[in-house]
Amino acid sequence: MKQQNNVQQEVRPLNLKQLAAIYEVSTRTLKGWLEPFLSEIGETSVRTFTPKQVRIIFDKLGEPKSGFHSGTA
């Protein structure tokens, strides 16, 4: 069965700067957006969010409008 959500199929580890670029906001703004969900997202390892954490972020903040694909960012 094919998943409807292409973003969830192609998620890769991303750091805060990459996520901010995908959402087209500053890292400071993104940190503020993520703050209410930190307990659900969990700790980052070496300042990088795991694919599972990136999926949680996409679920909480919505999919990026910039046409995110795993090969870019």
N, C-alpha and C. Protein backbone atom coordinates (compact mmCIF):
# COMPACT_ATOMS: atom_id res chain seq x y z
N MET A 1 0.84 -1.18 0.00
CA MET A 1 0.00 0.00 0.00
C MET A 1 0.88 1.25 0.00
N LYS A 2 0.62 2.15 -0.90
CA LYS A 2 1.42 3.36 -1.04
C LYS A 2 0.99 4.40 -0.01
N GLN A 3 1.97 5.01 0.66
CA GLN A 3 1.65 6.07 1.61
C GLN A 3 1.23 7.31 0.87
N GLN A 4 0.28 8.03 1.42
CA GLN A 4 -0.20 9.25 0.80
C GLN A 4 0.79 10.39 0.98
N ASN A 5 1.55 10.35 2.03
CA ASN A 5 2.44 11.45 2.38
C ASN A 5 3.85 11.15 1.91
N ASN A 6 4.30 11.78 0.84
CA ASN A 6 5.62 11.56 0.28
C ASN A 6 6.72 12.00 1.23
N VAL A 7 6.49 13.05 2.01
CA VAL A 7 7.51 13.57 2.92
C VAL A 7 7.90 12.50 3.93
N GLN A 8 6.93 11.77 4.47
CA GLN A 8 7.24 10.76 5.46
C GLN A 8 8.08 9.63 4.88
N GLN A 9 7.97 9.34 3.62
CA GLN A 9 8.77 8.30 2.99
C GLN A 9 10.21 8.73 2.81
N GLU A 10 10.48 10.02 2.71
CA GLU A 10 11.79 10.51 2.32
C GLU A 10 12.53 11.27 3.42
N VAL A 11 12.09 11.16 4.65
CA VAL A 11 12.70 11.92 5.75
C VAL A 11 14.10 11.40 6.03
N ARG A 12 15.01 12.34 6.26
CA ARG A 12 16.40 12.01 6.61
C ARG A 12 16.81 12.85 7.80
N PRO A 13 17.92 12.53 8.43
CA PRO A 13 18.38 13.35 9.56
C PRO A 13 18.64 14.79 9.10
N LEU A 14 18.24 15.74 9.93
CA LEU A 14 18.43 17.16 9.62
C LEU A 14 18.85 17.91 10.88
N ASN A 15 19.63 18.96 10.70
CA ASN A 15 19.97 19.80 11.85
C ASN A 15 19.00 20.99 11.89
N LEU A 16 19.11 21.79 12.93
CA LEU A 16 18.19 22.90 13.14
C LEU A 16 18.26 23.90 11.97
N LYS A 17 19.46 24.18 11.49
CA LYS A 17 19.62 25.13 10.39
C LYS A 17 18.94 24.63 9.12
N GLN A 18 19.06 23.34 8.84
CA GLN A 18 18.41 22.76 7.66
C GLN A 18 16.89 22.81 7.79
N LEU A 19 16.38 22.47 8.97
CA LEU A 19 14.94 22.53 9.19
C LEU A 19 14.41 23.95 9.07
N ALA A 20 15.15 24.91 9.62
CA ALA A 20 14.74 26.31 9.51
C ALA A 20 14.68 26.73 8.04
N ALA A 21 15.65 26.30 7.26
CA ALA A 21 15.66 26.64 5.83
C ALA A 21 14.47 26.02 5.11
N ILE A 22 14.12 24.81 5.47
CA ILE A 22 12.97 24.13 4.85
C ILE A 22 11.68 24.89 5.16
N TYR A 23 11.54 25.35 6.41
CA TYR A 23 10.35 26.11 6.81
C TYR A 23 10.44 27.59 6.47
N GLU A 24 11.59 28.00 5.95
CA GLU A 24 11.82 29.39 5.55
C GLU A 24 11.65 30.37 6.70
N VAL A 25 12.26 30.00 7.85
CA VAL A 25 12.26 30.86 9.04
C VAL A 25 13.67 30.84 9.63
N SER A 26 13.91 31.72 10.58
CA SER A 26 15.21 31.73 11.27
C SER A 26 15.27 30.55 12.25
N THR A 27 16.49 30.20 12.65
CA THR A 27 16.62 29.13 13.64
C THR A 27 16.00 29.55 14.98
N ARG A 28 16.05 30.82 15.28
CA ARG A 28 15.44 31.31 16.52
C ARG A 28 13.92 31.11 16.50
N THR A 29 13.30 31.41 15.37
CA THR A 29 11.85 31.22 15.24
C THR A 29 11.51 29.74 15.34
N LEU A 30 12.28 28.90 14.65
CA LEU A 30 12.01 27.47 14.68
C LEU A 30 12.14 26.91 16.09
N LYS A 31 13.16 27.36 16.83
CA LYS A 31 13.31 26.91 18.22
C LYS A 31 12.06 27.25 19.03
N GLY A 32 11.51 28.43 18.82
CA GLY A 32 10.29 28.82 19.52
C GLY A 32 9.12 27.94 19.15
N TRP A 33 9.02 27.60 17.87
CA TRP A 33 7.94 26.72 17.42
C TRP A 33 8.08 25.32 18.01
N LEU A 34 9.32 24.84 18.16
CA LEU A 34 9.56 23.48 18.65
C LEU A 34 9.44 23.36 20.16
N GLU A 35 9.63 24.46 20.87
CA GLU A 35 9.66 24.42 22.34
C GLU A 35 8.49 23.66 22.98
N PRO A 36 7.24 23.86 22.55
CA PRO A 36 6.14 23.14 23.19
C PRO A 36 6.18 21.62 22.96
N PHE A 37 6.97 21.18 22.00
CA PHE A 37 6.98 19.76 21.63
C PHE A 37 8.28 19.05 21.99
N LEU A 38 9.18 19.71 22.71
CA LEU A 38 10.50 19.13 22.99
C LEU A 38 10.42 17.79 23.72
N SER A 39 9.46 17.64 24.62
CA SER A 39 9.36 16.36 25.34
C SER A 39 8.98 15.23 24.39
N GLU A 40 8.18 15.53 23.37
CA GLU A 40 7.79 14.52 22.39
C GLU A 40 8.89 14.27 21.36
N ILE A 41 9.61 15.32 21.00
CA ILE A 41 10.68 15.21 20.00
C ILE A 41 11.88 14.48 20.60
N GLY A 42 12.23 14.80 21.83
CA GLY A 42 13.36 14.17 22.50
C GLY A 42 14.67 14.88 22.22
N GLU A 43 15.72 14.36 22.84
CA GLU A 43 17.06 14.93 22.71
C GLU A 43 17.62 14.68 21.31
N THR A 44 18.39 15.65 20.83
CA THR A 44 19.07 15.46 19.54
C THR A 44 20.45 14.89 19.81
N SER A 45 20.93 14.09 18.87
CA SER A 45 22.28 13.58 19.02
C SER A 45 23.20 14.38 18.11
N VAL A 46 24.23 14.93 18.65
CA VAL A 46 25.20 15.73 17.91
C VAL A 46 24.49 16.83 17.10
N ARG A 47 23.50 17.45 17.72
CA ARG A 47 22.77 18.58 17.12
C ARG A 47 22.02 18.22 15.84
N THR A 48 21.74 16.96 15.65
CA THR A 48 21.00 16.51 14.47
C THR A 48 19.76 15.76 14.91
N PHE A 49 18.64 16.07 14.27
CA PHE A 49 17.40 15.36 14.55
C PHE A 49 17.38 14.07 13.73
N THR A 50 17.00 12.97 14.36
CA THR A 50 16.89 11.69 13.65
C THR A 50 15.69 11.74 12.70
N PRO A 51 15.62 10.81 11.74
CA PRO A 51 14.45 10.78 10.87
C PRO A 51 13.13 10.67 11.65
N LYS A 52 13.13 9.91 12.74
CA LYS A 52 11.92 9.79 13.57
C LYS A 52 11.54 11.15 14.17
N GLN A 53 12.55 11.88 14.66
CA GLN A 53 12.30 13.20 15.23
C GLN A 53 11.81 14.18 14.17
N VAL A 54 12.39 14.11 12.97
CA VAL A 54 11.96 14.98 11.87
C VAL A 54 10.51 14.69 11.52
N ARG A 55 10.11 13.42 11.52
CA ARG A 55 8.70 13.08 11.26
C ARG A 55 7.79 13.69 12.31
N ILE A 56 8.21 13.63 13.58
CA ILE A 56 7.41 14.22 14.67
C ILE A 56 7.28 15.73 14.45
N ILE A 57 8.38 16.38 14.08
CA ILE A 57 8.36 17.82 13.83
C ILE A 57 7.39 18.14 12.68
N PHE A 58 7.47 17.37 11.59
CA PHE A 58 6.55 17.59 10.47
C PHE A 58 5.10 17.37 10.90
N ASP A 59 4.87 16.37 11.76
CA ASP A 59 3.50 16.12 12.25
C ASP A 59 3.01 17.29 13.11
N LYS A 60 3.88 17.84 13.94
CA LYS A 60 3.48 18.92 14.85
C LYS A 60 3.36 20.27 14.15
N LEU A 61 4.30 20.58 13.26
CA LEU A 61 4.32 21.89 12.62
C LEU A 61 3.64 21.90 11.25
N GLY A 62 3.36 20.73 10.73
CA GLY A 62 2.82 20.63 9.38
C GLY A 62 3.97 20.43 8.40
N GLU A 63 3.64 19.91 7.25
CA GLU A 63 4.67 19.68 6.24
C GLU A 63 5.17 21.01 5.70
N PRO A 64 6.45 21.09 5.41
CA PRO A 64 7.01 22.34 4.87
C PRO A 64 6.38 22.67 3.52
N LYS A 65 6.19 23.94 3.27
CA LYS A 65 5.59 24.37 2.00
C LYS A 65 6.62 24.44 0.88
N SER A 66 7.89 24.36 1.22
CA SER A 66 8.96 24.57 0.24
C SER A 66 9.24 23.36 -0.63
N GLY A 67 8.40 22.34 -0.60
CA GLY A 67 8.62 21.18 -1.44
C GLY A 67 9.80 20.35 -1.01
N PHE A 68 9.91 20.07 0.27
CA PHE A 68 11.01 19.30 0.83
C PHE A 68 11.11 17.93 0.19
N HIS A 69 12.34 17.55 -0.20
CA HIS A 69 12.66 16.21 -0.66
C HIS A 69 13.97 15.81 -0.02
N SER A 70 14.17 14.53 0.18
CA SER A 70 15.37 14.06 0.92
C SER A 70 16.66 14.46 0.25
N GLY A 71 16.69 14.66 -1.04
CA GLY A 71 17.92 15.01 -1.72
C GLY A 71 18.28 16.46 -1.63
N THR A 72 17.42 17.29 -1.05
CA THR A 72 17.68 18.72 -0.95
C THR A 72 17.66 19.15 0.50
N ALA A 73 18.10 20.34 0.74
CA ALA A 73 18.07 21.01 2.03
C ALA A 73 19.44 21.30 2.54
